[in-house]
Amino acid sequence: MPVESAPVSREMTIIAVRDVAEGIREFTLAPADGRPLDGFTAGAHVECAVTLPDGGVVLGINLSGGK
């Protein structure tokens, strides 16, 4: 059974953007405070509230890489 932890809020900075397919972009994020992130596994999903310059909102992100 997965262990759930309390929600954590961290401000992130977009450090790179790459178009990977039509309508799909890859964003590389880094913690704004410079502290390392906790470990995660590839495919983990986080909920985000991101307001884009055009007013659009992103509500979910899949993580890749893993640690």
C-alpha atoms as a PDB file:
ATOM      1  CA  MET A   1       0.000   0.000   0.000  1.00  0.00           C
ATOM      2  CA  PRO A   2       1.460   3.418  -0.981  1.00  0.00           C
ATOM      3  CA  VAL A   3       2.384   5.786   1.804  1.00  0.00           C
ATOM      4  CA  GLU A   4       0.820   9.223   1.465  1.00  0.00           C
ATOM      5  CA  SER A   5       2.579  12.272   2.810  1.00  0.00           C
ATOM      6  CA  ALA A   6       1.303  15.732   3.637  1.00  0.00           C
ATOM      7  CA  PRO A   7       1.165  18.160   0.692  1.00  0.00           C
ATOM      8  CA  VAL A   8       4.237  20.330   0.282  1.00  0.00           C
ATOM      9  CA  SER A   9       4.298  23.600  -1.598  1.00  0.00           C
ATOM     10  CA  ARG A  10       7.512  24.746  -3.288  1.00  0.00           C
ATOM     11  CA  GLU A  11       8.026  27.621  -5.689  1.00  0.00           C
ATOM     12  CA  MET A  12       9.765  26.465  -8.869  1.00  0.00           C
ATOM     13  CA  THR A  13      11.514  28.260 -11.716  1.00  0.00           C
ATOM     14  CA  ILE A  14      11.301  27.105 -15.343  1.00  0.00           C
ATOM     15  CA  ILE A  15      14.895  26.791 -16.545  1.00  0.00           C
ATOM     16  CA  ALA A  16      14.276  25.159 -19.950  1.00  0.00           C
ATOM     17  CA  VAL A  17      11.397  24.438 -22.359  1.00  0.00           C
ATOM     18  CA  ARG A  18      11.475  21.902 -25.201  1.00  0.00           C
ATOM     19  CA  ASP A  19       8.793  20.916 -27.741  1.00  0.00           C
ATOM     20  CA  VAL A  20       8.695  17.104 -27.753  1.00  0.00           C
ATOM     21  CA  ALA A  21       5.645  16.529 -29.991  1.00  0.00           C
ATOM     22  CA  GLU A  22       2.771  18.516 -31.444  1.00  0.00           C
ATOM     23  CA  GLY A  23       0.978  20.101 -28.498  1.00  0.00           C
ATOM     24  CA  ILE A  24       3.374  18.633 -25.910  1.00  0.00           C
ATOM     25  CA  ARG A  25       6.135  20.566 -24.182  1.00  0.00           C
ATOM     26  CA  GLU A  26       8.765  19.469 -21.707  1.00  0.00           C
ATOM     27  CA  PHE A  27       9.541  21.920 -18.893  1.00  0.00           C
ATOM     28  CA  THR A  28      12.668  21.606 -16.776  1.00  0.00           C
ATOM     29  CA  LEU A  29      12.058  23.056 -13.322  1.00  0.00           C
ATOM     30  CA  ALA A  30      14.410  23.966 -10.502  1.00  0.00           C
ATOM     31  CA  PRO A  31      13.566  24.931  -6.915  1.00  0.00           C
ATOM     32  CA  ALA A  32      13.486  28.738  -6.626  1.00  0.00           C
ATOM     33  CA  ASP A  33      15.114  28.529  -3.186  1.00  0.00           C
ATOM     34  CA  GLY A  34      18.019  26.401  -4.475  1.00  0.00           C
ATOM     35  CA  ARG A  35      17.403  23.573  -1.977  1.00  0.00           C
ATOM     36  CA  PRO A  36      17.368  20.049  -3.440  1.00  0.00           C
ATOM     37  CA  LEU A  37      14.076  18.281  -4.070  1.00  0.00           C
ATOM     38  CA  ASP A  38      13.082  15.098  -2.284  1.00  0.00           C
ATOM     39  CA  GLY A  39      13.574  11.889  -4.251  1.00  0.00           C
ATOM     40  CA  PHE A  40      10.851  10.598  -6.580  1.00  0.00           C
ATOM     41  CA  THR A  41      10.310   7.803  -9.063  1.00  0.00           C
ATOM     42  CA  ALA A  42       9.825   8.256 -12.805  1.00  0.00           C
ATOM     43  CA  GLY A  43       6.150   8.574 -13.648  1.00  0.00           C
ATOM     44  CA  ALA A  44       5.258  10.158 -10.315  1.00  0.00           C
ATOM     45  CA  HIS A  45       2.515  12.748 -10.657  1.00  0.00           C
ATOM     46  CA  VAL A  46       2.197  16.058  -8.844  1.00  0.00           C
ATOM     47  CA  GLU A  47      -0.631  18.561  -8.775  1.00  0.00           C
ATOM     48  CA  CYS A  48       0.336  22.084  -9.705  1.00  0.00           C
ATOM     49  CA  ALA A  49      -1.361  25.431 -10.013  1.00  0.00           C
ATOM     50  CA  VAL A  50       0.458  27.345 -12.730  1.00  0.00           C
ATOM     51  CA  THR A  51      -0.948  30.445 -14.381  1.00  0.00           C
ATOM     52  CA  LEU A  52       0.497  30.854 -17.854  1.00  0.00           C
ATOM     53  CA  PRO A  53       1.053  34.235 -19.567  1.00  0.00           C
ATOM     54  CA  ASP A  54      -1.920  33.578 -21.882  1.00  0.00           C
ATOM     55  CA  GLY A  55      -4.135  32.886 -18.858  1.00  0.00           C
ATOM     56  CA  GLY A  56      -4.135  29.103 -19.260  1.00  0.00           C
ATOM     57  CA  VAL A  57      -3.726  26.910 -16.194  1.00  0.00           C
ATOM     58  CA  VAL A  58      -1.829  23.630 -15.853  1.00  0.00           C
ATOM     59  CA  LEU A  59      -3.158  21.336 -13.108  1.00  0.00           C
ATOM     60  CA  GLY A  60      -1.022  18.208 -13.353  1.00  0.00           C
ATOM     61  CA  ILE A  61       2.524  17.231 -14.279  1.00  0.00           C
ATOM     62  CA  ASN A  62       4.154  13.830 -14.744  1.00  0.00           C
ATOM     63  CA  LEU A  63       7.725  13.620 -13.476  1.00  0.00           C
ATOM     64  CA  SER A  64      10.544  11.946 -15.350  1.00  0.00           C
ATOM     65  CA  GLY A  65      14.097  11.079 -14.385  1.00  0.00           C
ATOM     66  CA  GLY A  66      13.593   9.817 -10.871  1.00  0.00           C
ATOM     67  CA  LYS A  67      16.034   9.382  -8.062  1.00  0.00           C
END
